Amino acid sequence: MALASSSLLLLASVIALSNGNSTMTARNSEYFTTTYAAEAATEKALGAIVQDDQNYGEGLVFIRNAAGYYNTLIPTASDSPYFANYRFSGGTTDDAVFVACINACATNVLGPPYSGLQSVGATYQIIANAKNTTTMYGIEATVGQQVVLGQIPIFQFAIFYNDTLEIDPGADMAVTGMVHGNTNVYIIPNRAVTLTFSNDVSATGALNLSKNPLDPSDRSSIGTVTFNGAEVADVNPLNLPVGTNTSGSATNGGLNVSAILQVPPPSESPTEGVGTNRLFNQVDMIISISNGNVITVTSGMAVDNAATIISNAPFVSTNGTFYNMRDGSEVAPIDIDVGQLRQWSATNTVLTPLLATIRGVSEANVQSIFVVDQRSLGNYVVVTNYTCITNTVTLISSSYPTSADYIPPVTTNTSVTTSSSFPGAGTYVPPILSTNTTSTTSSTYPSSTDIGSITTNTTLTASGTYPDPGTYTGSITTNDSGSGTTYTYNALSYTYNTISGYIYNGITGYTYTGIIGTATNVNYTTNLVQYAEPGVVLTNGATLPANGLSVVTPDPLYIVGNWNVTNNSGQGQLQTHDVSDTLPSAVFADAVTILSPAWNPNNSSNGISSRTAAPDTVNAAILTGIVPSNGTYYSGGVENFVRLQENWTGVSFCYNGSMVEMFQSQIANYPWPGTGTVYNPPNRNWAYDTNFSDPTQLPPLTPKIIYINRARWSSLPPGATAF
């Protein structure tokens, strides 16, 4: 009995242990599945945050989080039947997750391939609690994640191309600063040229030391490429948060990116979706020109919803025109005198108080403007100085006159001519009036120049030679006379009409009004509807408004003369990479053309010898479009990123800034013209503006590209709202 009792006790212990192990296993299993459900809840909110950040930027994430939008994004049975039995909470709030911004401005210094770049952005914390309501244990599990919505100011790159990046210089070139291509990169300097990269070079696609297959240029003679930093291919794309990405499958497509330069439609909210990315909604001042040259200047949307009308704007004008030699088009520009803008900004009592309320007195100067030409293209009457031709005489010549010798039209004199050969181009006026033919019989089949129907004739013939195929018809009879063999057969001949001559109107001479004298400088109004390309011209910009200046336009933009070379204390230097005395500045446009201090619009349509440049210095970031290589034309490459209209041979163009290509130009879309007619290249004295490495010195409106980093993941106690 004692042994039986011991056995029963042992059995009870085994059963208890077995039940305990089963219970523990079941509880562990439930805990893990519940943890997965909690993690899924954090992932759903995180996915929405990341999507909004990619498409619209952290600004929209901040707005939606403040409104509690992400807290409501819990998994439901419609997402998966798996979640039907779970209840979710965030902190003490049921049917929600907990989302909070815990660091609004975290700064991280990145490593290769972006060594030294600073990613600035907010850290968001997402915490979710889950409980299975249908099990006997009712175990709760809580999961927390942290994500850094990093943003890299795009002007921290010396060169950034959203489309194919080509850099094929014809003279030695040194690139200081980071370089990134968001697709493929092609590098192939010409001949004995040395191309040196001082910092990292990265490509989302391939990094090729060869020419673009769509570049039609001969690149058989190759120079030397030196990389002093990392060179990395196949990196993740760096995308601008452009809301129109959601309208198609192509993320960061060119037209999507150029949308940030456009005037938004009236129905679009400036604080939602695409509206949060439009630079139109972020500037201090809006300048527009409508039909009849009506100038309208208002405060910006971000200031007071553009409600303040600025009636006195002496810095804006629409006088004059000039010729864009590359596009082959007259330009009717909006001229912004930056010197007058600076004076107005420092003394006006209309806009300054509004900006002081928003940014403080020390930041109350105008820092950004949006300029747009809303006139109907072609609706211009242009008064121009032309050479008036006066002395003429009627002339007759056997050769066609050159363009400078006559006034159109030219009359062609002709006479009926007969010739045995077909006339050459330029010797007659089509059509051929008629052809002469004669009947001919030949044993040879006629060529294609003979005409008419063909009759086949046969005659009975005897020959000592066997006939060639094609010269006879019917059977062949062989006769043997004892002294030799003869062949009897029907021999062929052909009767047809052959051409013996052509009758046509031959050209005997040209009658025209010949020029024998001229009178110059006669003004007249064309009074014709003439197409004119829009354009924004920035002049007198050696010194900018006190806090710097960024200019945005959906139109082509022209900078005339030295730009941003003198600060408000009068300090400044020309032709140097010392940028310690410059102010933050950027231009955003469909295309950007640099015109030197020697630019004279009156010579814009003359030959290149009349358009000689003078040394120029420009200190500004540039975000613009290009006309890409297409198999027929070369894009011009990074070496021709800025457009030129003058003869720069032997003349220095000093540039400090950041060159960013984001789309294909929509207005100034004529291909790169090569050199010799539109322009000749300068001595390129170019460098990255090292001020842009300091986030406090970036130009106003600097776009930021997305760099997301998952920072932490952790299991937390139920009800937790912090790690």
Foldseek 3Di string as FASTA:
>chain_A
DVVVVVVVVVVVVVVVVVVVVVVVVVVVVQQVLQQVQFVVQLVQLVVVLVLLCQAQRVLLVVVCVVVVNSFQRHDDCVVPVSCPQKWKADQPGTNTKFKDFPAAWDWDQDPPPQHLFIWIGIKMKIKMKMFGNPDPPRDIWMKMFIKTFTWTQQQQAQEEEAAEFEDAAAAAEEAEGEAEYLAEYEYWYAAAYEYEYQHHYEYLAYHYPHDDPLAQDDRVHTHHYYYNYHYYYNDHGWAFNQLCCVVDVDGLAFVSVLVLQDDDDPVDDCSDGRNVRRVQQVFQKEWEAEPVRDIWIFGGCVLPHRPFTDPDDVQWDQDDWFAQPQLRFIAREIEGAQVVLQVCQVDPPGRQVSQCVVPNNVPSGGAEYEYEYHYDFLQDWDKAFDWFFDDWDKDKFQDDDDPVWFDDDKDWDWDKDKDQDDDDPPFFDDDFPDFDKDKDKFLDDDDPQFDFDKDKAWDKDKALDDDDPPQFDDDWDWDCPPVGIIIIGIGIMMIGIGTRIIIGITTRIMIGITGDDTDGRDIDIPPGRGGHFYEYEYENACEGHQQHYEYGHAGEYEYEAAHQAAHPVRDGDAPDLPCPGGAAYAYEYQAYAYQHNVDDSSCQPPWQVSFAHAAGEYEYAYEYAWQDRRNVAHGCRPLCRHPYQHEQVAHEYEYETHYYHSHHRDGSRRGDPDDDTRYHDHRYNYYYNPLVSDVVRHRPPRGIITDMDTDDMDIDPPSDNDD
